[in-house]
Amino acid sequence: MDRKTRNQPDSHILVCLSPSASNVRVIRAAARIADAFQGTLTALFVETPTYSLLSDEDKKRLRGNMNLAEKSGARLDTVIGDDVAYQIAEYARLSGVSCVVIGQTNTRGGLLRRRRSLTDRLVAYAPELDYFIIPDHGTRVYAAKKPPEGRRQRVLRDSLISLGALGVCTLIGFLFSHLGFTDANIIMVYLLGLLAVSIGTAHRAYSLIWAVVSVMLFDLLFTTPRFTFYAYGTGYPVTFLVMFAAAFLISTLAIRLKQNASQSAKSARRVSVVLETDRQLSRAKPKRRSWRYWQTS
């Protein structure tokens, strides 16, 4: 531990909240640390876009963890963002946090490399902070799950949107080809359809699959010879590669813009609630009589 935190009587301790059952140990450890350092304690929850997918049990557990943190003397706060580690690091920097208390969970990696845990990414974002890592062995890594019925309906809806957009773009492509338009116009139609799919569907996989299928359809239906995956033009391989790269970039930007718009709407609702509460409190305060009134009465 850094000597700065050890000798600083007014340390600001930050504990990270989560719906995990083991978060109780982290909160209690943070309360003991804040008491030992005679510092203030803040409990932070980062609300990600997957918050709406939490089950009722997970939301109930999260409320219980928040209540426990409040009873332990912590000040509750919530931020909204995609990257949990980045949001915690930014909040700590702006709020003057000197120490972060967080639970360490086992992170499963992929086939080629180990996936970086939340703690590793947080240390990379804010290496100047002190960290208390509470071991959490044997606890599953938390992941929000969609209800089975809702998942099936969403998959069906997104699949219909993707297939419908693909059919409409192909019909427009045939029309452009019949009118003698160039291949560039047909490619732009498919890219426009990809943008609509990226905005209308919930998962990025639909956009990626749509990009691959659109390139294959363009090769199959609109290049010479038609109805084969061969292309006589020497520049077509580069055209396919650029088309797929553009489709991937468009889908990524569209998904990010959609997520940012959703988070901005949530932030706006929160601000409106706070302003309305402040307005009601101001109306509820008794009006003070002026000094002139007391002189004349």
Protein backbone atom coordinates (compact mmCIF):
# COMPACT_ATOMS: atom_id res chain seq x y z
CA MET A 1 0.00 0.00 0.00
CA ASP A 2 1.20 3.51 -0.72
CA ARG A 3 2.29 5.60 2.28
CA LYS A 4 0.12 8.46 1.03
CA THR A 5 -3.07 6.53 1.84
CA ARG A 6 -1.66 5.20 5.10
CA ASN A 7 -0.93 8.68 6.46
CA GLN A 8 -3.90 10.56 5.04
CA PRO A 9 -6.70 10.87 7.66
CA ASP A 10 -9.37 12.09 5.21
CA SER A 11 -8.98 9.36 2.60
CA HIS A 12 -11.79 8.89 0.11
CA ILE A 13 -12.59 5.19 -0.28
CA LEU A 14 -14.57 3.95 -3.28
CA VAL A 15 -16.29 0.56 -3.28
CA CYS A 16 -17.71 -0.90 -6.49
CA LEU A 17 -21.25 -2.31 -6.37
CA SER A 18 -22.57 -5.22 -8.40
CA PRO A 19 -25.53 -7.67 -8.32
CA SER A 20 -23.18 -10.45 -7.25
CA ALA A 21 -23.89 -12.17 -3.92
CA SER A 22 -20.20 -11.93 -3.01
CA ASN A 23 -20.39 -8.14 -3.25
CA VAL A 24 -21.49 -8.18 0.40
CA ARG A 25 -17.96 -9.17 1.44
CA VAL A 26 -16.51 -6.35 -0.64
CA ILE A 27 -18.85 -3.75 0.91
CA ARG A 28 -18.10 -4.86 4.47
CA ALA A 29 -14.37 -4.86 3.78
CA ALA A 30 -14.61 -1.35 2.35
CA ALA A 31 -16.50 -0.15 5.44
CA ARG A 32 -13.77 -1.53 7.70
CA ILE A 33 -11.06 0.11 5.58
CA ALA A 34 -12.86 3.48 5.64
CA ASP A 35 -13.24 3.21 9.40
CA ALA A 36 -9.57 2.33 9.85
CA PHE A 37 -8.45 5.28 7.70
CA GLN A 38 -11.10 7.59 9.21
CA GLY A 39 -12.11 8.46 5.67
CA THR A 40 -15.29 8.88 3.65
CA LEU A 41 -16.83 5.95 1.81
CA THR A 42 -18.61 6.08 -1.55
CA ALA A 43 -20.42 3.13 -3.12
CA LEU A 44 -20.51 3.37 -6.93
CA PHE A 45 -22.66 1.40 -9.36
CA VAL A 46 -21.96 1.59 -13.09
CA GLU A 47 -25.18 1.15 -15.06
CA THR A 48 -24.38 -0.44 -18.42
CA PRO A 49 -26.78 -1.02 -21.34
CA THR A 50 -27.29 -4.59 -20.04
CA TYR A 51 -28.91 -3.30 -16.84
CA SER A 52 -32.38 -3.64 -18.37
CA LEU A 53 -31.65 -7.33 -19.00
CA LEU A 54 -31.13 -8.13 -15.32
CA SER A 55 -33.49 -10.62 -13.79
CA ASP A 56 -35.73 -9.64 -10.88
CA GLU A 57 -33.55 -11.68 -8.55
CA ASP A 58 -30.40 -9.84 -9.62
CA LYS A 59 -32.08 -6.44 -9.27
CA LYS A 60 -33.29 -7.39 -5.79
CA ARG A 61 -29.78 -8.47 -4.84
CA LEU A 62 -28.36 -5.22 -6.19
CA ARG A 63 -30.83 -3.19 -4.11
CA GLY A 64 -29.82 -5.22 -1.07
CA ASN A 65 -26.15 -4.48 -1.70
CA MET A 66 -26.95 -0.78 -2.05
CA ASN A 67 -28.88 -0.80 1.23
CA LEU A 68 -26.00 -2.55 2.96
CA ALA A 69 -23.55 0.04 1.64
CA GLU A 70 -25.79 2.88 2.83
CA LYS A 71 -26.15 1.34 6.28
CA SER A 72 -22.36 1.00 6.40
CA GLY A 73 -22.03 4.76 6.05
CA ALA A 74 -21.40 4.96 2.30
CA ARG A 75 -22.72 7.61 -0.03
CA LEU A 76 -24.44 6.00 -3.00
CA ASP A 77 -23.77 7.17 -6.53
CA THR A 78 -24.54 5.86 -10.03
CA VAL A 79 -22.91 6.54 -13.39
CA ILE A 80 -23.88 5.34 -16.86
CA GLY A 81 -21.50 3.94 -19.46
CA ASP A 82 -20.35 0.99 -21.54
CA ASP A 83 -16.86 0.46 -20.14
CA VAL A 84 -17.19 -0.23 -16.40
CA ALA A 85 -13.47 0.13 -15.70
CA TYR A 86 -13.24 3.45 -17.53
CA GLN A 87 -16.29 4.86 -15.73
CA ILE A 88 -14.87 3.88 -12.33
CA ALA A 89 -11.49 5.41 -13.16
CA GLU A 90 -13.05 8.68 -14.39
CA TYR A 91 -15.30 8.94 -11.33
CA ALA A 92 -12.33 8.32 -9.04
CA ARG A 93 -10.30 11.01 -10.80
CA LEU A 94 -13.06 13.63 -10.69
CA SER A 95 -14.13 12.86 -7.11
CA GLY A 96 -10.68 12.77 -5.53
CA VAL A 97 -10.79 9.08 -4.66
CA SER A 98 -7.57 7.78 -3.12
CA CYS A 99 -8.40 4.08 -2.77
CA VAL A 100 -10.67 1.63 -4.60
CA VAL A 101 -12.06 -1.54 -3.06
CA ILE A 102 -13.12 -4.13 -5.63
CA GLY A 103 -13.77 -7.85 -5.79
CA GLN A 104 -11.50 -10.08 -7.82
CA THR A 105 -13.27 -12.75 -9.88
CA ASN A 106 -11.88 -15.48 -12.07
CA THR A 107 -11.99 -14.40 -15.72
CA ARG A 108 -12.23 -16.98 -18.44
CA GLY A 109 -10.18 -16.31 -21.49
CA GLY A 110 -10.46 -17.27 -25.10
CA LEU A 111 -8.56 -19.90 -27.04
CA LEU A 112 -5.51 -17.77 -27.71
CA ARG A 113 -5.18 -15.50 -24.70
CA ARG A 114 -6.59 -14.79 -21.29
CA ARG A 115 -9.25 -12.12 -21.16
CA ARG A 116 -8.30 -9.11 -19.05
CA SER A 117 -10.31 -8.84 -15.86
CA LEU A 118 -12.09 -5.74 -14.63
CA THR A 119 -9.38 -5.19 -12.05
CA ASP A 120 -6.60 -5.35 -14.65
CA ARG A 121 -8.34 -2.83 -16.92
CA LEU A 122 -9.08 -0.53 -13.97
CA VAL A 123 -5.43 -0.53 -12.89
CA ALA A 124 -4.44 0.25 -16.48
CA TYR A 125 -6.82 3.24 -16.58
CA ALA A 126 -5.85 4.61 -13.14
CA PRO A 127 -2.47 3.28 -12.00
CA GLU A 128 -2.01 6.13 -9.50
CA LEU A 129 -4.80 4.86 -7.20
CA ASP A 130 -4.42 2.41 -4.31
CA TYR A 131 -6.41 -0.81 -4.60
CA PHE A 132 -7.79 -3.30 -2.12
CA ILE A 133 -8.70 -6.45 -4.03
CA ILE A 134 -11.02 -8.80 -2.16
CA PRO A 135 -10.55 -12.42 -3.36
CA ASP A 136 -13.69 -13.96 -4.77
CA HIS A 137 -12.69 -17.53 -5.57
CA GLY A 138 -15.39 -20.00 -6.48
CA THR A 139 -17.92 -17.36 -7.52
CA ARG A 140 -19.18 -17.30 -11.06
CA VAL A 141 -18.52 -14.26 -13.18
CA TYR A 142 -21.69 -12.24 -13.36
CA ALA A 143 -23.36 -11.90 -16.74
CA ALA A 144 -26.77 -10.49 -17.52
CA LYS A 145 -29.07 -12.99 -19.18
CA LYS A 146 -32.17 -12.34 -21.18
CA PRO A 147 -35.38 -14.18 -20.34
CA PRO A 148 -35.84 -17.17 -22.72
CA GLU A 149 -39.18 -15.94 -24.06
CA GLY A 150 -37.91 -12.42 -24.62
CA ARG A 151 -34.77 -13.76 -26.29
CA ARG A 152 -36.78 -15.82 -28.78
CA GLN A 153 -39.00 -12.87 -29.67
CA ARG A 154 -36.00 -10.58 -30.11
CA VAL A 155 -34.16 -13.11 -32.28
CA LEU A 156 -37.26 -13.58 -34.45
CA ARG A 157 -37.79 -9.84 -34.81
CA ASP A 158 -34.15 -9.10 -35.64
CA SER A 159 -34.01 -11.99 -38.11
CA LEU A 160 -37.11 -10.71 -39.92
CA ILE A 161 -35.61 -7.20 -40.05
CA SER A 162 -32.36 -8.53 -41.49
CA LEU A 163 -34.05 -10.76 -44.08
CA GLY A 164 -36.50 -8.03 -45.06
CA ALA A 165 -33.74 -5.46 -45.52
CA LEU A 166 -31.70 -7.95 -47.54
CA GLY A 167 -34.65 -8.68 -49.84
CA VAL A 168 -35.45 -5.00 -50.36
CA CYS A 169 -31.83 -4.13 -51.15
CA THR A 170 -31.56 -7.03 -53.59
CA LEU A 171 -34.72 -5.95 -55.41
CA ILE A 172 -33.42 -2.38 -55.64
CA GLY A 173 -30.12 -3.79 -56.93
CA PHE A 174 -31.92 -5.67 -59.71
CA LEU A 175 -33.79 -2.47 -60.59
CA PHE A 176 -30.56 -0.45 -60.73
CA SER A 177 -28.90 -3.15 -62.82
CA HIS A 178 -31.84 -3.17 -65.26
CA LEU A 179 -31.63 0.62 -65.57
CA GLY A 180 -27.94 0.41 -66.35
CA PHE A 181 -26.56 1.84 -63.10
CA THR A 182 -22.98 1.02 -62.15
CA ASP A 183 -21.90 -1.47 -59.48
CA ALA A 184 -21.03 1.40 -57.12
CA ASN A 185 -24.71 2.37 -56.89
CA ILE A 186 -25.69 -1.19 -55.99
CA ILE A 187 -22.95 -1.35 -53.35
CA MET A 188 -24.25 1.89 -51.79
CA VAL A 189 -27.72 0.36 -51.59
CA TYR A 190 -26.38 -2.62 -49.62
CA LEU A 191 -24.38 -0.32 -47.33
CA LEU A 192 -27.51 1.74 -46.68
CA GLY A 193 -29.37 -1.47 -45.85
CA LEU A 194 -26.59 -2.44 -43.45
CA LEU A 195 -26.98 0.89 -41.66
CA ALA A 196 -30.70 0.22 -41.22
CA VAL A 197 -30.00 -3.29 -39.89
CA SER A 198 -27.38 -1.98 -37.45
CA ILE A 199 -29.87 0.52 -36.03
CA GLY A 200 -32.88 -1.79 -36.03
CA THR A 201 -31.32 -4.91 -34.49
CA ALA A 202 -30.10 -5.41 -30.94
CA HIS A 203 -26.93 -7.45 -31.47
CA ARG A 204 -23.82 -6.77 -33.49
CA ALA A 205 -23.82 -10.32 -34.91
CA TYR A 206 -26.69 -9.45 -37.26
CA SER A 207 -24.71 -6.62 -38.79
CA LEU A 208 -21.63 -8.78 -39.31
CA ILE A 209 -23.62 -11.63 -40.85
CA TRP A 210 -25.49 -9.13 -43.02
CA ALA A 211 -22.19 -7.68 -44.25
CA VAL A 212 -20.86 -11.10 -45.27
CA VAL A 213 -24.12 -12.17 -46.94
CA SER A 214 -24.45 -8.87 -48.83
CA VAL A 215 -20.94 -9.24 -50.28
CA MET A 216 -21.73 -12.81 -51.34
CA LEU A 217 -25.05 -11.76 -52.92
CA PHE A 218 -23.41 -8.92 -54.79
CA ASP A 219 -20.83 -11.37 -56.16
CA LEU A 220 -23.50 -13.96 -56.99
CA LEU A 221 -26.11 -11.71 -58.62
CA PHE A 222 -24.43 -8.61 -60.01
CA THR A 223 -20.95 -9.60 -61.24
CA THR A 224 -20.03 -11.34 -64.49
CA PRO A 225 -20.61 -14.27 -64.82
CA ARG A 226 -23.84 -14.11 -62.87
CA PHE A 227 -25.15 -16.80 -60.50
CA THR A 228 -21.62 -17.94 -59.71
CA PHE A 229 -19.06 -16.88 -57.16
CA TYR A 230 -16.49 -16.21 -59.89
CA ALA A 231 -15.72 -12.69 -61.07
CA TYR A 232 -13.89 -11.92 -64.32
CA GLY A 233 -12.92 -8.39 -63.37
CA THR A 234 -9.43 -8.12 -61.87
CA GLY A 235 -10.55 -5.39 -59.47
CA TYR A 236 -13.46 -7.31 -57.96
CA PRO A 237 -11.47 -8.95 -55.10
CA VAL A 238 -10.43 -5.47 -53.93
CA THR A 239 -14.03 -4.29 -54.35
CA PHE A 240 -15.30 -7.12 -52.14
CA LEU A 241 -12.65 -6.42 -49.50
CA VAL A 242 -13.39 -2.68 -49.41
CA MET A 243 -17.13 -3.38 -49.33
CA PHE A 244 -16.78 -5.69 -46.34
CA ALA A 245 -14.44 -3.26 -44.51
CA ALA A 246 -16.86 -0.39 -45.07
CA ALA A 247 -19.76 -2.53 -43.89
CA PHE A 248 -17.87 -3.49 -40.73
CA LEU A 249 -17.00 0.15 -39.99
CA ILE A 250 -20.55 1.39 -40.62
CA SER A 251 -22.05 -1.28 -38.35
CA THR A 252 -19.58 -0.48 -35.54
CA LEU A 253 -20.26 3.27 -35.68
CA ALA A 254 -24.03 2.78 -35.89
CA ILE A 255 -24.08 0.50 -32.85
CA ARG A 256 -21.97 2.94 -30.83
CA LEU A 257 -24.19 5.85 -31.75
CA LYS A 258 -27.28 3.87 -30.77
CA GLN A 259 -25.78 2.98 -27.38
CA ASN A 260 -24.69 6.57 -26.76
CA ALA A 261 -28.16 7.83 -27.63
CA SER A 262 -29.72 5.38 -25.18
CA GLN A 263 -27.35 6.42 -22.40
CA SER A 264 -27.94 10.11 -23.13
CA ALA A 265 -31.68 9.54 -22.86
CA LYS A 266 -31.21 7.85 -19.49
CA SER A 267 -29.02 10.70 -18.27
CA ALA A 268 -31.59 13.25 -19.45
CA ARG A 269 -34.35 11.43 -17.56
CA ARG A 270 -32.22 11.39 -14.41
CA VAL A 271 -31.49 15.11 -14.70
CA SER A 272 -35.17 15.90 -15.25
CA VAL A 273 -36.13 13.90 -12.15
CA VAL A 274 -33.52 15.72 -10.06
CA LEU A 275 -34.65 19.14 -11.33
CA GLU A 276 -38.30 18.32 -10.69
CA THR A 277 -37.48 17.13 -7.17
CA ASP A 278 -35.50 20.31 -6.48
CA ARG A 279 -38.39 22.42 -7.80
CA GLN A 280 -40.88 20.66 -5.53
CA LEU A 281 -38.59 21.07 -2.52
CA SER A 282 -38.23 24.77 -3.27
CA ARG A 283 -42.00 25.17 -3.35
CA ALA A 284 -42.34 23.29 -0.07
CA LYS A 285 -39.97 25.65 1.80
CA PRO A 286 -41.80 28.32 3.87
CA LYS A 287 -41.46 31.81 2.51
CA ARG A 288 -39.39 34.15 4.69
CA ARG A 289 -40.93 37.47 5.66
CA SER A 290 -38.92 40.48 4.68
CA TRP A 291 -37.38 42.92 7.18
CA ARG A 292 -39.69 45.67 5.96
CA TYR A 293 -42.70 43.51 6.87
CA TRP A 294 -41.46 43.12 10.46
CA GLN A 295 -40.90 46.86 10.75
CA THR A 296 -44.42 47.76 9.66
CA SER A 297 -46.21 45.05 11.66
